[in-house]
PDB file of N, CA and C in Angstrom:
ATOM      1  N   MET A   1       0.870  -1.268  -0.300  1.00  0.00           N
ATOM      2  CA  MET A   1       0.068  -0.090  -0.321  1.00  0.00           C
ATOM      3  C   MET A   1       1.268   1.401   0.051  1.00  0.00           C
ATOM      4  N   ASP A   2       1.652   0.951   0.494  1.00  0.00           N
ATOM      5  CA  ASP A   2       2.816   2.290   0.832  1.00  0.00           C
ATOM      6  C   ASP A   2       3.198   3.169  -0.685  1.00  0.00           C
ATOM      7  N   LYS A   3       3.741   1.884  -1.562  1.00  0.00           N
ATOM      8  CA  LYS A   3       4.110   2.048  -3.144  1.00  0.00           C
ATOM      9  C   LYS A   3       2.934   2.662  -3.662  1.00  0.00           C
ATOM     10  N   LEU A   4       1.783   2.566  -3.359  1.00  0.00           N
ATOM     11  CA  LEU A   4       0.463   2.865  -4.296  1.00  0.00           C
ATOM     12  C   LEU A   4       0.295   4.346  -3.850  1.00  0.00           C
ATOM     13  N   LEU A   5       0.596   4.487  -2.419  1.00  0.00           N
ATOM     14  CA  LEU A   5       0.410   5.761  -2.168  1.00  0.00           C
ATOM     15  C   LEU A   5       1.752   6.635  -2.511  1.00  0.00           C
ATOM     16  N   ALA A   6       2.670   6.331  -2.755  1.00  0.00           N
ATOM     17  CA  ALA A   6       3.506   7.294  -3.144  1.00  0.00           C
ATOM     18  C   ALA A   6       3.340   7.289  -4.533  1.00  0.00           C
ATOM     19  N   ILE A   7       2.947   6.697  -5.175  1.00  0.00           N
ATOM     20  CA  ILE A   7       2.248   6.924  -6.811  1.00  0.00           C
ATOM     21  C   ILE A   7       1.309   8.097  -6.564  1.00  0.00           C
ATOM     22  N   LEU A   8       0.302   7.945  -5.996  1.00  0.00           N
ATOM     23  CA  LEU A   8      -0.967   8.849  -5.694  1.00  0.00           C
ATOM     24  C   LEU A   8      -0.041   9.983  -5.321  1.00  0.00           C
ATOM     25  N   ASN A   9       0.572  10.100  -4.382  1.00  0.00           N
ATOM     26  CA  ASN A   9       1.159  11.478  -3.972  1.00  0.00           C
ATOM     27  C   ASN A   9       2.236  12.398  -4.908  1.00  0.00           C
ATOM     28  N   GLU A  10       2.780  11.032  -5.676  1.00  0.00           N
ATOM     29  CA  GLU A  10       3.871  12.074  -6.806  1.00  0.00           C
ATOM     30  C   GLU A  10       2.330  13.184  -8.204  1.00  0.00           C
ATOM     31  N   LEU A  11       1.365  12.088  -8.049  1.00  0.00           N
ATOM     32  CA  LEU A  11       0.382  13.300  -8.773  1.00  0.00           C
ATOM     33  C   LEU A  11      -0.624  14.102  -8.594  1.00  0.00           C
ATOM     34  N   HIS A  12      -1.105  13.982  -6.977  1.00  0.00           N
ATOM     35  CA  HIS A  12      -1.427  15.200  -6.041  1.00  0.00           C
ATOM     36  C   HIS A  12      -0.948  15.101  -4.828  1.00  0.00           C
ATOM     37  N   GLU A  13       0.210  15.781  -4.534  1.00  0.00           N
ATOM     38  CA  GLU A  13       1.014  16.055  -3.245  1.00  0.00           C
ATOM     39  C   GLU A  13       0.152  16.787  -1.914  1.00  0.00           C
ATOM     40  N   ASP A  14      -0.856  17.812  -2.159  1.00  0.00           N
ATOM     41  CA  ASP A  14      -2.107  17.635  -1.821  1.00  0.00           C
ATOM     42  C   ASP A  14      -2.864  17.474  -1.095  1.00  0.00           C
ATOM     43  N   VAL A  15      -3.214  15.756  -1.737  1.00  0.00           N
ATOM     44  CA  VAL A  15      -4.299  15.204  -1.377  1.00  0.00           C
ATOM     45  C   VAL A  15      -3.991  14.490  -0.366  1.00  0.00           C
ATOM     46  N   ASP A  16      -4.901  13.970   0.422  1.00  0.00           N
ATOM     47  CA  ASP A  16      -4.568  13.082   1.792  1.00  0.00           C
ATOM     48  C   ASP A  16      -5.331  11.644   1.168  1.00  0.00           C
ATOM     49  N   PHE A  17      -4.728  11.033   0.631  1.00  0.00           N
ATOM     50  CA  PHE A  17      -5.188   9.973   0.130  1.00  0.00           C
ATOM     51  C   PHE A  17      -5.517   8.895   0.852  1.00  0.00           C
ATOM     52  N   THR A  18      -5.127   9.137   2.257  1.00  0.00           N
ATOM     53  CA  THR A  18      -5.582   7.900   3.351  1.00  0.00           C
ATOM     54  C   THR A  18      -7.143   7.928   3.550  1.00  0.00           C
ATOM     55  N   ALA A  19      -7.373   9.610   4.041  1.00  0.00           N
ATOM     56  CA  ALA A  19      -8.447   9.514   3.978  1.00  0.00           C
ATOM     57  C   ALA A  19      -9.485   9.710   2.785  1.00  0.00           C
ATOM     58  N   GLU A  20      -9.398  10.511   1.872  1.00  0.00           N
ATOM     59  CA  GLU A  20      -9.929  10.401   0.433  1.00  0.00           C
ATOM     60  C   GLU A  20     -11.316   9.476   0.202  1.00  0.00           C
ATOM     61  N   THR A  21     -12.251   9.595   0.340  1.00  0.00           N
ATOM     62  CA  THR A  21     -13.401   8.461  -0.456  1.00  0.00           C
ATOM     63  C   THR A  21     -14.065   8.783  -1.329  1.00  0.00           C
ATOM     64  N   ALA A  22     -13.610  10.084  -2.440  1.00  0.00           N
ATOM     65  CA  ALA A  22     -14.400  10.379  -3.922  1.00  0.00           C
ATOM     66  C   ALA A  22     -13.318  11.107  -4.407  1.00  0.00           C
ATOM     67  N   LEU A  23     -12.259  10.287  -4.655  1.00  0.00           N
ATOM     68  CA  LEU A  23     -11.370  10.873  -5.506  1.00  0.00           C
ATOM     69  C   LEU A  23     -11.925  11.542  -6.891  1.00  0.00           C
ATOM     70  N   ILE A  24     -12.621  10.305  -7.620  1.00  0.00           N
ATOM     71  CA  ILE A  24     -12.889  10.246  -9.106  1.00  0.00           C
ATOM     72  C   ILE A  24     -14.806  11.714  -8.751  1.00  0.00           C
ATOM     73  N   ASP A  25     -15.619  11.124  -7.651  1.00  0.00           N
ATOM     74  CA  ASP A  25     -16.746  11.735  -7.847  1.00  0.00           C
ATOM     75  C   ASP A  25     -16.363  13.177  -7.504  1.00  0.00           C
ATOM     76  N   ASP A  26     -15.618  13.240  -6.854  1.00  0.00           N
ATOM     77  CA  ASP A  26     -15.417  14.865  -6.607  1.00  0.00           C
ATOM     78  C   ASP A  26     -14.300  15.931  -7.761  1.00  0.00           C
ATOM     79  N   GLY A  27     -13.721  15.106  -8.366  1.00  0.00           N
ATOM     80  CA  GLY A  27     -12.805  15.571  -9.725  1.00  0.00           C
ATOM     81  C   GLY A  27     -11.619  15.923  -9.176  1.00  0.00           C
ATOM     82  N   ILE A  28     -11.238  14.820  -8.198  1.00  0.00           N
ATOM     83  CA  ILE A  28      -9.611  15.108  -7.645  1.00  0.00           C
ATOM     84  C   ILE A  28      -8.438  14.379  -8.792  1.00  0.00           C
ATOM     85  N   LEU A  29      -9.399  13.337  -8.923  1.00  0.00           N
ATOM     86  CA  LEU A  29      -8.721  12.495 -10.063  1.00  0.00           C
ATOM     87  C   LEU A  29      -9.241  12.926 -11.573  1.00  0.00           C
ATOM     88  N   ASP A  30      -8.531  13.221 -12.760  1.00  0.00           N
ATOM     89  CA  ASP A  30      -8.753  12.908 -13.799  1.00  0.00           C
ATOM     90  C   ASP A  30      -8.680  11.991 -14.701  1.00  0.00           C
ATOM     91  N   SER A  31      -9.317  11.717 -16.325  1.00  0.00           N
ATOM     92  CA  SER A  31      -8.791  10.477 -16.973  1.00  0.00           C
ATOM     93  C   SER A  31      -7.125  10.509 -17.031  1.00  0.00           C
ATOM     94  N   LEU A  32      -6.069  12.077 -17.013  1.00  0.00           N
ATOM     95  CA  LEU A  32      -5.156  11.793 -17.237  1.00  0.00           C
ATOM     96  C   LEU A  32      -4.556  11.000 -16.140  1.00  0.00           C
ATOM     97  N   ASP A  33      -4.890  11.849 -14.933  1.00  0.00           N
ATOM     98  CA  ASP A  33      -4.520  11.072 -13.815  1.00  0.00           C
ATOM     99  C   ASP A  33      -4.640   9.108 -13.567  1.00  0.00           C
ATOM    100  N   ILE A  34      -5.582   8.891 -14.427  1.00  0.00           N
ATOM    101  CA  ILE A  34      -5.967   7.796 -14.028  1.00  0.00           C
ATOM    102  C   ILE A  34      -5.034   6.503 -15.248  1.00  0.00           C
ATOM    103  N   VAL A  35      -4.498   7.733 -16.334  1.00  0.00           N
ATOM    104  CA  VAL A  35      -3.980   6.654 -17.185  1.00  0.00           C
ATOM    105  C   VAL A  35      -2.655   6.205 -16.476  1.00  0.00           C
ATOM    106  N   SER A  36      -1.933   7.437 -15.759  1.00  0.00           N
ATOM    107  CA  SER A  36      -1.037   7.485 -15.004  1.00  0.00           C
ATOM    108  C   SER A  36      -0.553   6.205 -14.090  1.00  0.00           C
ATOM    109  N   ILE A  37      -2.209   6.236 -13.368  1.00  0.00           N
ATOM    110  CA  ILE A  37      -2.005   5.129 -12.102  1.00  0.00           C
ATOM    111  C   ILE A  37      -1.727   4.054 -12.882  1.00  0.00           C
ATOM    112  N   VAL A  38      -2.978   3.691 -13.974  1.00  0.00           N
ATOM    113  CA  VAL A  38      -2.439   2.759 -14.502  1.00  0.00           C
ATOM    114  C   VAL A  38      -1.562   1.852 -14.708  1.00  0.00           C
ATOM    115  N   THR A  39      -0.609   3.122 -15.776  1.00  0.00           N
ATOM    116  CA  THR A  39       0.835   2.549 -16.206  1.00  0.00           C
ATOM    117  C   THR A  39       1.628   2.018 -14.904  1.00  0.00           C
ATOM    118  N   GLU A  40       1.513   3.408 -14.168  1.00  0.00           N
ATOM    119  CA  GLU A  40       2.351   3.011 -12.526  1.00  0.00           C
ATOM    120  C   GLU A  40       2.144   1.607 -11.641  1.00  0.00           C
ATOM    121  N   VAL A  41       0.850   1.410 -11.944  1.00  0.00           N
ATOM    122  CA  VAL A  41       0.324  -0.081 -11.033  1.00  0.00           C
ATOM    123  C   VAL A  41       0.686  -1.099 -11.904  1.00  0.00           C
ATOM    124  N   TYR A  42       1.197  -1.118 -13.432  1.00  0.00           N
ATOM    125  CA  TYR A  42       1.359  -2.144 -14.184  1.00  0.00           C
ATOM    126  C   TYR A  42       3.361  -1.850 -14.043  1.00  0.00           C
ATOM    127  N   SER A  43       3.441  -0.799 -13.642  1.00  0.00           N
ATOM    128  CA  SER A  43       5.270  -0.901 -13.844  1.00  0.00           C
ATOM    129  C   SER A  43       5.884  -1.621 -12.569  1.00  0.00           C
ATOM    130  N   GLU A  44       4.809  -1.001 -11.131  1.00  0.00           N
ATOM    131  CA  GLU A  44       5.424  -1.030  -9.530  1.00  0.00           C
ATOM    132  C   GLU A  44       4.647  -2.748  -9.421  1.00  0.00           C
ATOM    133  N   PHE A  45       3.968  -3.198  -9.790  1.00  0.00           N
ATOM    134  CA  PHE A  45       3.124  -4.422  -9.100  1.00  0.00           C
ATOM    135  C   PHE A  45       3.399  -5.559  -9.876  1.00  0.00           C
ATOM    136  N   ASP A  46       3.424  -4.997 -11.234  1.00  0.00           N
ATOM    137  CA  ASP A  46       3.272  -5.979 -12.713  1.00  0.00           C
ATOM    138  C   ASP A  46       1.476  -6.850 -12.866  1.00  0.00           C
ATOM    139  N   VAL A  47       0.904  -5.566 -12.168  1.00  0.00           N
ATOM    140  CA  VAL A  47      -0.025  -5.691 -12.635  1.00  0.00           C
ATOM    141  C   VAL A  47      -1.110  -5.384 -13.758  1.00  0.00           C
ATOM    142  N   ARG A  48      -2.241  -5.673 -14.321  1.00  0.00           N
ATOM    143  CA  ARG A  48      -2.777  -5.313 -15.401  1.00  0.00           C
ATOM    144  C   ARG A  48      -3.860  -4.647 -15.014  1.00  0.00           C
ATOM    145  N   ILE A  49      -4.769  -3.694 -15.658  1.00  0.00           N
ATOM    146  CA  ILE A  49      -5.660  -3.381 -15.028  1.00  0.00           C
ATOM    147  C   ILE A  49      -6.459  -3.222 -16.256  1.00  0.00           C
ATOM    148  N   PRO A  50      -7.593  -4.080 -16.596  1.00  0.00           N
ATOM    149  CA  PRO A  50      -8.463  -4.173 -17.838  1.00  0.00           C
ATOM    150  C   PRO A  50      -8.889  -3.039 -18.391  1.00  0.00           C
ATOM    151  N   PRO A  51      -9.688  -2.401 -18.872  1.00  0.00           N
ATOM    152  CA  PRO A  51     -10.737  -1.496 -19.236  1.00  0.00           C
ATOM    153  C   PRO A  51     -12.185  -1.509 -18.431  1.00  0.00           C
ATOM    154  N   GLU A  52     -12.692  -2.375 -18.192  1.00  0.00           N
ATOM    155  CA  GLU A  52     -13.557  -3.030 -17.852  1.00  0.00           C
ATOM    156  C   GLU A  52     -13.363  -2.624 -16.430  1.00  0.00           C
ATOM    157  N   GLU A  53     -12.602  -2.752 -15.639  1.00  0.00           N
ATOM    158  CA  GLU A  53     -11.919  -2.205 -14.280  1.00  0.00           C
ATOM    159  C   GLU A  53     -11.872  -1.128 -13.757  1.00  0.00           C
ATOM    160  N   ILE A  54     -11.851  -0.137 -15.159  1.00  0.00           N
ATOM    161  CA  ILE A  54     -11.239   1.561 -15.093  1.00  0.00           C
ATOM    162  C   ILE A  54     -12.803   1.990 -14.524  1.00  0.00           C
ATOM    163  N   VAL A  55     -13.471   2.024 -13.158  1.00  0.00           N
ATOM    164  CA  VAL A  55     -14.573   2.395 -13.236  1.00  0.00           C
ATOM    165  C   VAL A  55     -14.315   3.118 -12.056  1.00  0.00           C
ATOM    166  N   PRO A  56     -15.354   4.557 -11.622  1.00  0.00           N
ATOM    167  CA  PRO A  56     -15.491   5.080 -10.517  1.00  0.00           C
ATOM    168  C   PRO A  56     -14.823   4.511  -9.202  1.00  0.00           C
ATOM    169  N   GLU A  57     -16.175   3.437  -8.960  1.00  0.00           N
ATOM    170  CA  GLU A  57     -16.052   2.791  -7.651  1.00  0.00           C
ATOM    171  C   GLU A  57     -14.234   2.101  -7.323  1.00  0.00           C
ATOM    172  N   ASN A  58     -13.439   1.770  -8.316  1.00  0.00           N
ATOM    173  CA  ASN A  58     -12.396   1.349  -8.386  1.00  0.00           C
ATOM    174  C   ASN A  58     -10.917   2.591  -8.176  1.00  0.00           C
ATOM    175  N   PHE A  59     -11.551   3.437  -8.663  1.00  0.00           N
ATOM    176  CA  PHE A  59     -10.207   4.306  -7.951  1.00  0.00           C
ATOM    177  C   PHE A  59     -10.951   5.901  -7.267  1.00  0.00           C
ATOM    178  N   ASN A  60     -12.032   5.656  -6.613  1.00  0.00           N
ATOM    179  CA  ASN A  60     -12.369   6.513  -6.096  1.00  0.00           C
ATOM    180  C   ASN A  60     -11.620   7.007  -4.054  1.00  0.00           C
ATOM    181  N   SER A  61     -11.164   5.946  -4.227  1.00  0.00           N
ATOM    182  CA  SER A  61      -9.956   5.967  -2.839  1.00  0.00           C
ATOM    183  C   SER A  61      -9.152   5.019  -2.921  1.00  0.00           C
ATOM    184  N   ALA A  62      -7.655   5.334  -2.165  1.00  0.00           N
ATOM    185  CA  ALA A  62      -6.752   4.316  -2.464  1.00  0.00           C
ATOM    186  C   ALA A  62      -6.661   2.850  -1.789  1.00  0.00           C
ATOM    187  N   GLN A  63      -7.612   3.146  -0.956  1.00  0.00           N
ATOM    188  CA  GLN A  63      -8.681   1.679  -0.430  1.00  0.00           C
ATOM    189  C   GLN A  63      -8.865   0.748  -1.648  1.00  0.00           C
ATOM    190  N   ALA A  64      -9.785   1.495  -2.274  1.00  0.00           N
ATOM    191  CA  ALA A  64     -10.572   0.471  -3.467  1.00  0.00           C
ATOM    192  C   ALA A  64      -9.373   0.120  -4.130  1.00  0.00           C
ATOM    193  N   LEU A  65      -8.551   1.201  -4.417  1.00  0.00           N
ATOM    194  CA  LEU A  65      -7.520   0.641  -5.854  1.00  0.00           C
ATOM    195  C   LEU A  65      -6.682  -0.157  -5.524  1.00  0.00           C
ATOM    196  N   TRP A  66      -6.363  -0.404  -4.187  1.00  0.00           N
ATOM    197  CA  TRP A  66      -5.345  -1.601  -3.246  1.00  0.00           C
ATOM    198  C   TRP A  66      -6.244  -2.858  -3.440  1.00  0.00           C
ATOM    199  N   GLU A  67      -7.473  -2.739  -3.164  1.00  0.00           N
ATOM    200  CA  GLU A  67      -7.869  -3.765  -3.441  1.00  0.00           C
ATOM    201  C   GLU A  67      -8.225  -4.569  -4.698  1.00  0.00           C
ATOM    202  N   LEU A  68      -8.335  -3.290  -5.791  1.00  0.00           N
ATOM    203  CA  LEU A  68      -8.632  -4.124  -6.620  1.00  0.00           C
ATOM    204  C   LEU A  68      -7.310  -4.467  -7.496  1.00  0.00           C
ATOM    205  N   ILE A  69      -5.718  -3.898  -6.937  1.00  0.00           N
ATOM    206  CA  ILE A  69      -4.381  -4.324  -7.388  1.00  0.00           C
ATOM    207  C   ILE A  69      -4.539  -5.616  -6.174  1.00  0.00           C
ATOM    208  N   SER A  70      -4.742  -5.571  -5.673  1.00  0.00           N
ATOM    209  CA  SER A  70      -4.948  -6.981  -4.703  1.00  0.00           C
ATOM    210  C   SER A  70      -5.503  -8.272  -5.499  1.00  0.00           C
ATOM    211  N   ARG A  71      -6.704  -7.791  -6.181  1.00  0.00           N
ATOM    212  CA  ARG A  71      -7.568  -8.887  -6.852  1.00  0.00           C
ATOM    213  C   ARG A  71      -7.103  -9.271  -8.250  1.00  0.00           C
ATOM    214  N   LEU A  72      -6.719  -8.299  -8.778  1.00  0.00           N
ATOM    215  CA  LEU A  72      -6.240  -8.514 -10.373  1.00  0.00           C
ATOM    216  C   LEU A  72      -4.881  -9.044  -9.928  1.00  0.00           C
ATOM    217  N   ASP A  73      -4.032  -9.298  -9.000  1.00  0.00           N
ATOM    218  CA  ASP A  73      -2.872  -9.906  -8.344  1.00  0.00           C
ATOM    219  C   ASP A  73      -2.688 -11.176  -8.267  1.00  0.00           C
ATOM    220  N   GLU A  74      -4.351 -11.858  -7.446  1.00  0.00           N
ATOM    221  CA  GLU A  74      -4.542 -12.944  -7.538  1.00  0.00           C
ATOM    222  C   GLU A  74      -5.124 -13.462  -8.521  1.00  0.00           C
ATOM    223  N   ALA A  75      -5.461 -13.338  -9.669  1.00  0.00           N
ATOM    224  CA  ALA A  75      -6.114 -13.608 -10.649  1.00  0.00           C
ATOM    225  C   ALA A  75      -4.915 -14.815 -11.375  1.00  0.00           C
TER     226      ALA A  75
END
């Protein structure tokens, strides 16, 4: 989870990713951020996020994103 938080903090240093639960809904992350996250997740964790998993509920919080990475890593 620390690596994921580091990735997110590189995008937006001013956001508390441990507490925020509406990253997409509140417009904190935009489409370019999502592309960066997907790329970095593959680079850091060797986990590909398929297009059908790129939905707001998977990116609204660091915890949701971490659960997605964990689920895909087990598959």
